[in-house]
Amino acid sequence: MDEKIIKNFGANGKCPVRDVIARLGDKWSILTLTTLKENGKLRFSEIQRSIGDVSQRMLTVTLRSLEADGIIHREVYAEVPPRVEYELTELGESLYPHLQALVNWASENMEEIMARKSYPFLST
């Protein structure tokens, strides 16, 4: 009898899928990366304006995390007032086609997913 081999994605600290998705899978990271890809190098306020509903604190945390992971580059210019710009790194550029596929899928299927959403626990 053949034994079924199950791929393990357990929380043993050695799962790249779990680790990468945890770091990049939140909506702010995906929206930030998409904004930088579509618009090129941007300042903080431009990124925030493009996304719209992200708080200053959440965008700061997101940008710091993406920079620490090497996905975006932060350039500080010695000017008064200081100017800071963000752009995708080579690693970020290599990630983007995969995100674009997810963004495209979400756009194509949003209406169907929203139509199927129901929250019976909210009905009175």
Protein backbone atom coordinates (compact mmCIF):
# COMPACT_ATOMS: atom_id res chain seq x y z
CA MET A 1 0.00 0.00 0.00
CA ASP A 2 1.34 3.43 -0.94
CA GLU A 3 1.69 5.81 1.94
CA LYS A 4 0.41 9.28 1.23
CA ILE A 5 3.10 11.91 1.71
CA ILE A 6 1.74 15.15 3.04
CA LYS A 7 3.70 18.33 2.60
CA ASN A 8 4.14 19.88 6.02
CA PHE A 9 3.68 23.60 6.55
CA GLY A 10 3.89 23.32 10.33
CA ALA A 11 4.91 26.07 12.69
CA ASN A 12 8.35 24.69 13.41
CA GLY A 13 10.20 27.85 12.40
CA LYS A 14 11.36 26.34 9.11
CA CYS A 15 8.45 27.05 6.80
CA PRO A 16 9.33 29.66 4.16
CA VAL A 17 5.72 29.82 2.95
CA ARG A 18 4.42 30.69 6.40
CA ASP A 19 7.24 33.17 7.05
CA VAL A 20 7.01 35.02 3.75
CA ILE A 21 3.21 35.18 3.71
CA ALA A 22 3.22 36.45 7.30
CA ARG A 23 5.64 39.24 6.32
CA LEU A 24 4.14 40.21 2.96
CA GLY A 25 0.57 38.94 2.99
CA ASP A 26 -1.13 41.80 4.77
CA LYS A 27 -3.17 44.30 2.80
CA TRP A 28 -0.93 47.28 3.54
CA SER A 29 2.21 45.56 2.24
CA ILE A 30 0.48 44.46 -0.94
CA LEU A 31 -1.05 47.90 -1.51
CA THR A 32 2.25 49.65 -0.75
CA LEU A 33 4.18 47.43 -3.15
CA THR A 34 1.55 47.85 -5.85
CA THR A 35 1.61 51.63 -5.39
CA LEU A 36 5.40 51.74 -5.70
CA LYS A 37 5.38 49.49 -8.77
CA GLU A 38 2.67 51.47 -10.54
CA ASN A 39 4.04 54.92 -9.66
CA GLY A 40 7.80 54.45 -9.24
CA LYS A 41 9.79 56.28 -6.59
CA LEU A 42 7.48 58.07 -4.13
CA ARG A 43 7.60 60.09 -0.95
CA PHE A 44 5.78 58.93 2.19
CA SER A 45 2.89 61.37 1.73
CA GLU A 46 2.44 60.29 -1.89
CA ILE A 47 2.23 56.63 -0.89
CA GLN A 48 -0.26 57.46 1.85
CA ARG A 49 -2.37 59.55 -0.52
CA SER A 50 -2.34 56.79 -3.14
CA ILE A 51 -3.52 54.12 -0.68
CA GLY A 52 -6.00 56.42 1.01
CA ASP A 53 -7.15 54.76 4.20
CA VAL A 54 -3.82 53.68 5.74
CA SER A 55 -2.84 55.46 8.95
CA GLN A 56 0.51 57.20 9.21
CA ARG A 57 1.64 54.75 11.88
CA MET A 58 0.61 51.66 9.91
CA LEU A 59 2.32 52.91 6.76
CA THR A 60 5.48 53.65 8.75
CA VAL A 61 5.48 50.13 10.20
CA THR A 62 4.83 48.62 6.76
CA LEU A 63 7.59 50.61 5.07
CA ARG A 64 10.11 49.75 7.81
CA SER A 65 9.27 46.06 7.55
CA LEU A 66 9.53 46.02 3.75
CA GLU A 67 12.83 47.90 3.95
CA ALA A 68 14.21 45.48 6.57
CA ASP A 69 13.29 42.57 4.28
CA GLY A 70 15.09 44.20 1.34
CA ILE A 71 11.89 44.58 -0.69
CA ILE A 72 11.99 48.38 -0.85
CA HIS A 73 14.78 50.94 -0.68
CA ARG A 74 14.52 54.11 1.41
CA GLU A 75 16.59 57.05 0.25
CA VAL A 76 17.10 60.01 2.61
CA TYR A 77 18.28 63.25 1.02
CA ALA A 78 20.25 65.74 3.09
CA GLU A 79 18.00 68.70 2.43
CA VAL A 80 16.03 71.12 4.53
CA PRO A 81 13.37 69.97 5.05
CA PRO A 82 14.57 66.37 4.71
CA ARG A 83 13.26 64.45 1.73
CA VAL A 84 12.72 60.68 1.88
CA GLU A 85 11.75 58.55 -1.10
CA TYR A 86 10.86 54.88 -1.42
CA GLU A 87 11.18 52.52 -4.37
CA LEU A 88 11.18 48.80 -5.07
CA THR A 89 14.52 46.99 -4.91
CA GLU A 90 15.51 44.29 -7.38
CA LEU A 91 14.08 41.77 -4.93
CA GLY A 92 10.83 43.76 -4.77
CA GLU A 93 10.68 43.89 -8.56
CA SER A 94 11.09 40.10 -8.70
CA LEU A 95 8.23 39.68 -6.21
CA TYR A 96 5.83 41.97 -8.04
CA PRO A 97 4.71 39.65 -10.88
CA HIS A 98 3.46 37.23 -8.23
CA LEU A 99 1.59 40.00 -6.43
CA GLN A 100 0.22 41.25 -9.73
CA ALA A 101 -1.31 37.83 -10.37
CA LEU A 102 -3.04 38.01 -6.98
CA VAL A 103 -4.18 41.60 -7.59
CA ASN A 104 -5.56 40.61 -11.02
CA TRP A 105 -7.35 37.59 -9.55
CA ALA A 106 -8.87 39.74 -6.80
CA SER A 107 -10.06 42.32 -9.33
CA GLU A 108 -11.58 39.68 -11.60
CA ASN A 109 -13.36 37.84 -8.78
CA MET A 110 -14.25 40.64 -6.37
CA GLU A 111 -17.90 40.89 -7.39
CA GLU A 112 -18.53 37.17 -7.06
CA ILE A 113 -16.77 36.96 -3.70
CA MET A 114 -18.63 39.99 -2.34
CA ALA A 115 -21.95 38.58 -3.60
CA ARG A 116 -21.30 35.32 -1.75
CA LYS A 117 -20.34 36.98 1.52
CA SER A 118 -22.93 36.55 4.16
CA TYR A 119 -22.77 37.11 7.84
CA PRO A 120 -25.69 35.21 9.41
CA PHE A 121 -24.43 36.04 12.88
CA LEU A 122 -25.08 39.73 12.16
CA SER A 123 -28.73 39.33 11.20
CA THR A 124 -31.33 40.05 13.80
